[in-house]
C-alpha atoms as a PDB file:
ATOM      1  CA  ASN A   1     -39.301 -16.685 -91.934  1.00  0.00           C
ATOM      2  CA  ALA A   2     -37.712 -18.558 -89.244  1.00  0.00           C
ATOM      3  CA  LYS A   3     -38.632 -21.910 -90.819  1.00  0.00           C
ATOM      4  CA  GLU A   4     -36.745 -21.012 -93.843  1.00  0.00           C
ATOM      5  CA  VAL A   5     -33.633 -20.025 -92.062  1.00  0.00           C
ATOM      6  CA  PHE A   6     -33.653 -23.321 -88.828  1.00  0.00           C
ATOM      7  CA  GLY A   7     -35.710 -25.728 -91.470  1.00  0.00           C
ATOM      8  CA  ALA A   8     -39.115 -27.237 -91.580  1.00  0.00           C
ATOM      9  CA  ALA A   9     -38.658 -29.153 -88.507  1.00  0.00           C
ATOM     10  CA  ALA A  10     -37.999 -25.967 -86.402  1.00  0.00           C
ATOM     11  CA  LYS A  11     -40.816 -25.411 -83.521  1.00  0.00           C
ATOM     12  CA  ILE A  12     -41.699 -21.831 -83.395  1.00  0.00           C
ATOM     13  CA  ASP A  13     -43.400 -20.801 -79.850  1.00  0.00           C
ATOM     14  CA  ASN A  14     -44.441 -17.248 -80.881  1.00  0.00           C
ATOM     15  CA  GLN A  15     -45.230 -15.529 -77.269  1.00  0.00           C
ATOM     16  CA  LEU A  16     -44.615 -12.120 -75.897  1.00  0.00           C
ATOM     17  CA  LYS A  17     -43.825 -11.825 -72.549  1.00  0.00           C
ATOM     18  CA  VAL A  18     -44.560  -8.162 -70.885  1.00  0.00           C
ATOM     19  CA  VAL A  19     -41.541  -7.516 -68.104  1.00  0.00           C
ATOM     20  CA  ALA A  20     -41.966  -5.246 -65.172  1.00  0.00           C
ATOM     21  CA  PRO A  21     -39.462  -2.339 -64.445  1.00  0.00           C
ATOM     22  CA  VAL A  22     -36.278  -4.278 -63.160  1.00  0.00           C
ATOM     23  CA  ALA A  23     -36.692  -4.842 -59.800  1.00  0.00           C
ATOM     24  CA  VAL A  24     -33.302  -4.108 -58.539  1.00  0.00           C
ATOM     25  CA  GLU A  25     -33.317  -0.923 -59.826  1.00  0.00           C
ATOM     26  CA  VAL A  26     -36.936  -0.267 -58.846  1.00  0.00           C
ATOM     27  CA  GLN A  27     -36.636  -0.920 -55.300  1.00  0.00           C
ATOM     28  CA  GLN A  28     -32.604   0.887 -54.906  1.00  0.00           C
ATOM     29  CA  ARG A  29     -34.266   4.043 -56.085  1.00  0.00           C
ATOM     30  CA  LYS A  30     -37.141   3.477 -53.229  1.00  0.00           C
ATOM     31  CA  LEU A  31     -35.055   2.751 -50.543  1.00  0.00           C
ATOM     32  CA  GLY A  32     -32.775   5.570 -51.638  1.00  0.00           C
ATOM     33  CA  ASP A  33     -35.834   8.065 -51.783  1.00  0.00           C
ATOM     34  CA  ALA A  34     -37.223   7.107 -48.088  1.00  0.00           C
ATOM     35  CA  LEU A  35     -33.388   7.692 -47.250  1.00  0.00           C
ATOM     36  CA  VAL A  36     -32.773  11.187 -48.227  1.00  0.00           C
ATOM     37  CA  GLY A  37     -32.579  13.491 -45.192  1.00  0.00           C
ATOM     38  CA  LYS A  38     -32.588  10.446 -42.512  1.00  0.00           C
ATOM     39  CA  SER A  39     -30.119   7.944 -41.350  1.00  0.00           C
ATOM     40  CA  VAL A  40     -30.188   5.043 -38.943  1.00  0.00           C
ATOM     41  CA  GLU A  41     -28.740   5.980 -36.034  1.00  0.00           C
ATOM     42  CA  PHE A  42     -26.831   4.341 -33.195  1.00  0.00           C
ATOM     43  CA  GLU A  43     -25.732   5.131 -29.765  1.00  0.00           C
ATOM     44  CA  SER A  44     -22.552   6.709 -29.916  1.00  0.00           C
ATOM     45  CA  GLY A  45     -19.622   3.898 -29.913  1.00  0.00           C
ATOM     46  CA  SER A  46     -22.163   1.341 -29.643  1.00  0.00           C
ATOM     47  CA  ALA A  47     -24.550  -0.912 -32.155  1.00  0.00           C
ATOM     48  CA  LEU A  48     -27.573   0.124 -30.002  1.00  0.00           C
ATOM     49  CA  LEU A  49     -30.313   1.409 -32.385  1.00  0.00           C
ATOM     50  CA  THR A  50     -31.377   5.007 -31.351  1.00  0.00           C
ATOM     51  CA  ARG A  51     -35.511   5.257 -31.338  1.00  0.00           C
ATOM     52  CA  ASN A  52     -34.966   7.344 -34.666  1.00  0.00           C
ATOM     53  CA  GLY A  53     -32.982   4.735 -36.183  1.00  0.00           C
ATOM     54  CA  MET A  54     -35.762   2.153 -35.411  1.00  0.00           C
ATOM     55  CA  ALA A  55     -38.281   4.758 -36.930  1.00  0.00           C
ATOM     56  CA  VAL A  56     -36.152   4.848 -40.112  1.00  0.00           C
ATOM     57  CA  LEU A  57     -36.405   1.048 -40.455  1.00  0.00           C
ATOM     58  CA  ASP A  58     -39.559   1.191 -39.934  1.00  0.00           C
ATOM     59  CA  ALA A  59     -40.271   3.196 -42.688  1.00  0.00           C
ATOM     60  CA  LEU A  60     -38.097   1.250 -44.988  1.00  0.00           C
ATOM     61  CA  GLU A  61     -39.507  -2.585 -43.994  1.00  0.00           C
ATOM     62  CA  PRO A  62     -42.405  -1.728 -46.092  1.00  0.00           C
ATOM     63  CA  ILE A  63     -40.210  -0.919 -49.063  1.00  0.00           C
ATOM     64  CA  ILE A  64     -38.008  -4.011 -48.819  1.00  0.00           C
ATOM     65  CA  GLN A  65     -41.161  -6.303 -48.423  1.00  0.00           C
ATOM     66  CA  GLU A  66     -42.744  -5.094 -51.524  1.00  0.00           C
ATOM     67  CA  ASP A  67     -40.905  -7.155 -53.678  1.00  0.00           C
ATOM     68  CA  THR A  68     -39.285  -9.970 -52.481  1.00  0.00           C
ATOM     69  CA  SER A  69     -37.235 -11.145 -55.374  1.00  0.00           C
ATOM     70  CA  THR A  70     -34.685  -9.001 -54.123  1.00  0.00           C
ATOM     71  CA  ARG A  71     -31.582  -9.498 -51.760  1.00  0.00           C
ATOM     72  CA  ILE A  72     -30.444  -6.557 -49.743  1.00  0.00           C
ATOM     73  CA  GLU A  73     -27.142  -6.398 -48.267  1.00  0.00           C
ATOM     74  CA  VAL A  74     -27.218  -3.855 -45.476  1.00  0.00           C
ATOM     75  CA  GLN A  75     -23.777  -1.942 -45.345  1.00  0.00           C
ATOM     76  CA  GLY A  76     -22.444  -0.042 -42.429  1.00  0.00           C
ATOM     77  CA  HIS A  77     -20.264   2.768 -42.486  1.00  0.00           C
ATOM     78  CA  THR A  78     -18.211   4.513 -39.894  1.00  0.00           C
ATOM     79  CA  ASP A  79     -15.983   8.260 -40.174  1.00  0.00           C
ATOM     80  CA  ASP A  80     -11.914   7.501 -39.280  1.00  0.00           C
ATOM     81  CA  SER A  81     -12.225   8.608 -35.707  1.00  0.00           C
ATOM     82  CA  GLY A  82     -10.252   5.922 -33.748  1.00  0.00           C
ATOM     83  CA  LEU A  83      -8.664   2.779 -35.141  1.00  0.00           C
ATOM     84  CA  ALA A  84      -9.536   1.541 -38.365  1.00  0.00           C
ATOM     85  CA  GLY A  85     -10.011  -2.182 -36.996  1.00  0.00           C
ATOM     86  CA  ALA A  86     -12.253  -1.100 -34.474  1.00  0.00           C
ATOM     87  CA  ASN A  87     -14.137   0.894 -37.129  1.00  0.00           C
ATOM     88  CA  LYS A  88     -14.822  -2.185 -38.977  1.00  0.00           C
ATOM     89  CA  VAL A  89     -16.178  -4.168 -36.241  1.00  0.00           C
ATOM     90  CA  LEU A  90     -18.680  -1.404 -35.066  1.00  0.00           C
ATOM     91  CA  SER A  91     -19.758  -1.136 -38.857  1.00  0.00           C
ATOM     92  CA  GLN A  92     -20.437  -4.405 -38.899  1.00  0.00           C
ATOM     93  CA  ARG A  93     -21.978  -5.124 -35.770  1.00  0.00           C
ATOM     94  CA  ARG A  94     -24.179  -2.027 -36.607  1.00  0.00           C
ATOM     95  CA  ALA A  95     -25.152  -3.624 -39.950  1.00  0.00           C
ATOM     96  CA  ALA A  96     -25.903  -7.143 -38.304  1.00  0.00           C
ATOM     97  CA  THR A  97     -28.154  -4.571 -35.661  1.00  0.00           C
ATOM     98  CA  ALA A  98     -30.079  -3.230 -38.500  1.00  0.00           C
ATOM     99  CA  LEU A  99     -30.722  -6.811 -40.229  1.00  0.00           C
ATOM    100  CA  GLU A 100     -31.575  -8.306 -37.048  1.00  0.00           C
ATOM    101  CA  TYR A 101     -34.098  -5.424 -36.830  1.00  0.00           C
ATOM    102  CA  LEU A 102     -35.343  -5.882 -40.239  1.00  0.00           C
ATOM    103  CA  VAL A 103     -35.990  -9.451 -39.793  1.00  0.00           C
ATOM    104  CA  SER A 104     -37.705  -9.017 -36.126  1.00  0.00           C
ATOM    105  CA  LYS A 105     -40.074  -6.691 -38.188  1.00  0.00           C
ATOM    106  CA  GLY A 106     -40.769 -10.010 -40.561  1.00  0.00           C
ATOM    107  CA  VAL A 107     -38.488  -9.351 -43.602  1.00  0.00           C
ATOM    108  CA  GLU A 108     -36.826 -13.010 -44.453  1.00  0.00           C
ATOM    109  CA  ALA A 109     -33.382 -13.270 -42.770  1.00  0.00           C
ATOM    110  CA  ARG A 110     -32.382 -15.340 -46.237  1.00  0.00           C
ATOM    111  CA  ARG A 111     -32.771 -11.710 -48.045  1.00  0.00           C
ATOM    112  CA  LEU A 112     -30.691 -10.096 -46.235  1.00  0.00           C
ATOM    113  CA  ALA A 113     -26.985  -9.729 -45.430  1.00  0.00           C
ATOM    114  CA  ALA A 114     -25.022  -6.994 -43.423  1.00  0.00           C
ATOM    115  CA  ARG A 115     -21.477  -5.917 -44.046  1.00  0.00           C
ATOM    116  CA  GLY A 116     -19.228  -3.493 -42.123  1.00  0.00           C
ATOM    117  CA  PHE A 117     -16.616  -1.243 -43.938  1.00  0.00           C
ATOM    118  CA  GLY A 118     -15.621   1.021 -41.403  1.00  0.00           C
ATOM    119  CA  GLN A 119     -13.965   3.998 -42.372  1.00  0.00           C
ATOM    120  CA  GLU A 120     -13.122   2.488 -46.113  1.00  0.00           C
ATOM    121  CA  GLN A 121     -15.436   4.308 -48.009  1.00  0.00           C
ATOM    122  CA  PRO A 122     -16.158   7.666 -47.175  1.00  0.00           C
ATOM    123  CA  ILE A 123     -18.616  10.132 -49.181  1.00  0.00           C
ATOM    124  CA  ALA A 124     -17.206  13.244 -47.281  1.00  0.00           C
ATOM    125  CA  ASP A 125     -14.371  14.530 -46.008  1.00  0.00           C
ATOM    126  CA  ASN A 126     -13.854  13.448 -42.780  1.00  0.00           C
ATOM    127  CA  ALA A 127     -11.674  16.853 -41.304  1.00  0.00           C
ATOM    128  CA  THR A 128     -15.438  18.096 -40.526  1.00  0.00           C
ATOM    129  CA  PRO A 129     -17.783  17.279 -38.249  1.00  0.00           C
ATOM    130  CA  GLU A 130     -20.526  17.635 -40.610  1.00  0.00           C
ATOM    131  CA  GLY A 131     -18.453  15.367 -42.706  1.00  0.00           C
ATOM    132  CA  ARG A 132     -17.881  12.538 -40.245  1.00  0.00           C
ATOM    133  CA  GLN A 133     -21.446  12.559 -39.533  1.00  0.00           C
ATOM    134  CA  GLN A 134     -22.500  11.662 -43.167  1.00  0.00           C
ATOM    135  CA  ASN A 135     -19.957   9.039 -43.031  1.00  0.00           C
ATOM    136  CA  ARG A 136     -21.290   7.502 -39.745  1.00  0.00           C
ATOM    137  CA  ARG A 137     -24.105   5.541 -42.001  1.00  0.00           C
ATOM    138  CA  ILE A 138     -26.127   2.301 -42.989  1.00  0.00           C
ATOM    139  CA  GLU A 139     -26.711   2.150 -46.799  1.00  0.00           C
ATOM    140  CA  PHE A 140     -28.810  -0.508 -48.358  1.00  0.00           C
ATOM    141  CA  LEU A 141     -27.684  -2.288 -51.678  1.00  0.00           C
ATOM    142  CA  VAL A 142     -30.407  -4.220 -53.819  1.00  0.00           C
ATOM    143  CA  GLU A 143     -29.050  -7.267 -55.551  1.00  0.00           C
ATOM    144  CA  GLU A 144     -30.979  -9.891 -57.611  1.00  0.00           C
ATOM    145  CA  ARG A 145     -31.893 -12.830 -55.296  1.00  0.00           C
ATOM    146  CA  ASN A 146     -30.209 -16.330 -56.849  1.00  0.00           C
END
């Protein structure tokens, strides 16, 4: 008994709270599922979104808007073609462009951040055209909002 442990003056608040599944994990999974077989595309060597890139972001926007308690980091990545410094700048510009597009569709800017990694985090072998294509990507990291 809590009163025996903490004393007669202890105040007990006996409430049960039902907590929904962790918002971060749910939203991360939904974004990942929506991106399977798709990518946010840009014109070659630039931060200009293609029509397909816009369509992918259009499909992600409702998922991002489902739960406004989260924060999303838009992460840009490149392959290793060209200079590392230029790739980092390009990846940052692409992440910022994707962020700006989402804001133009109604996502609160304060919920988003853009970060470019350049060629630092490959997910495939840069020795093949297919691998380089996989490494040129935008990813979305869902975080708790502070």
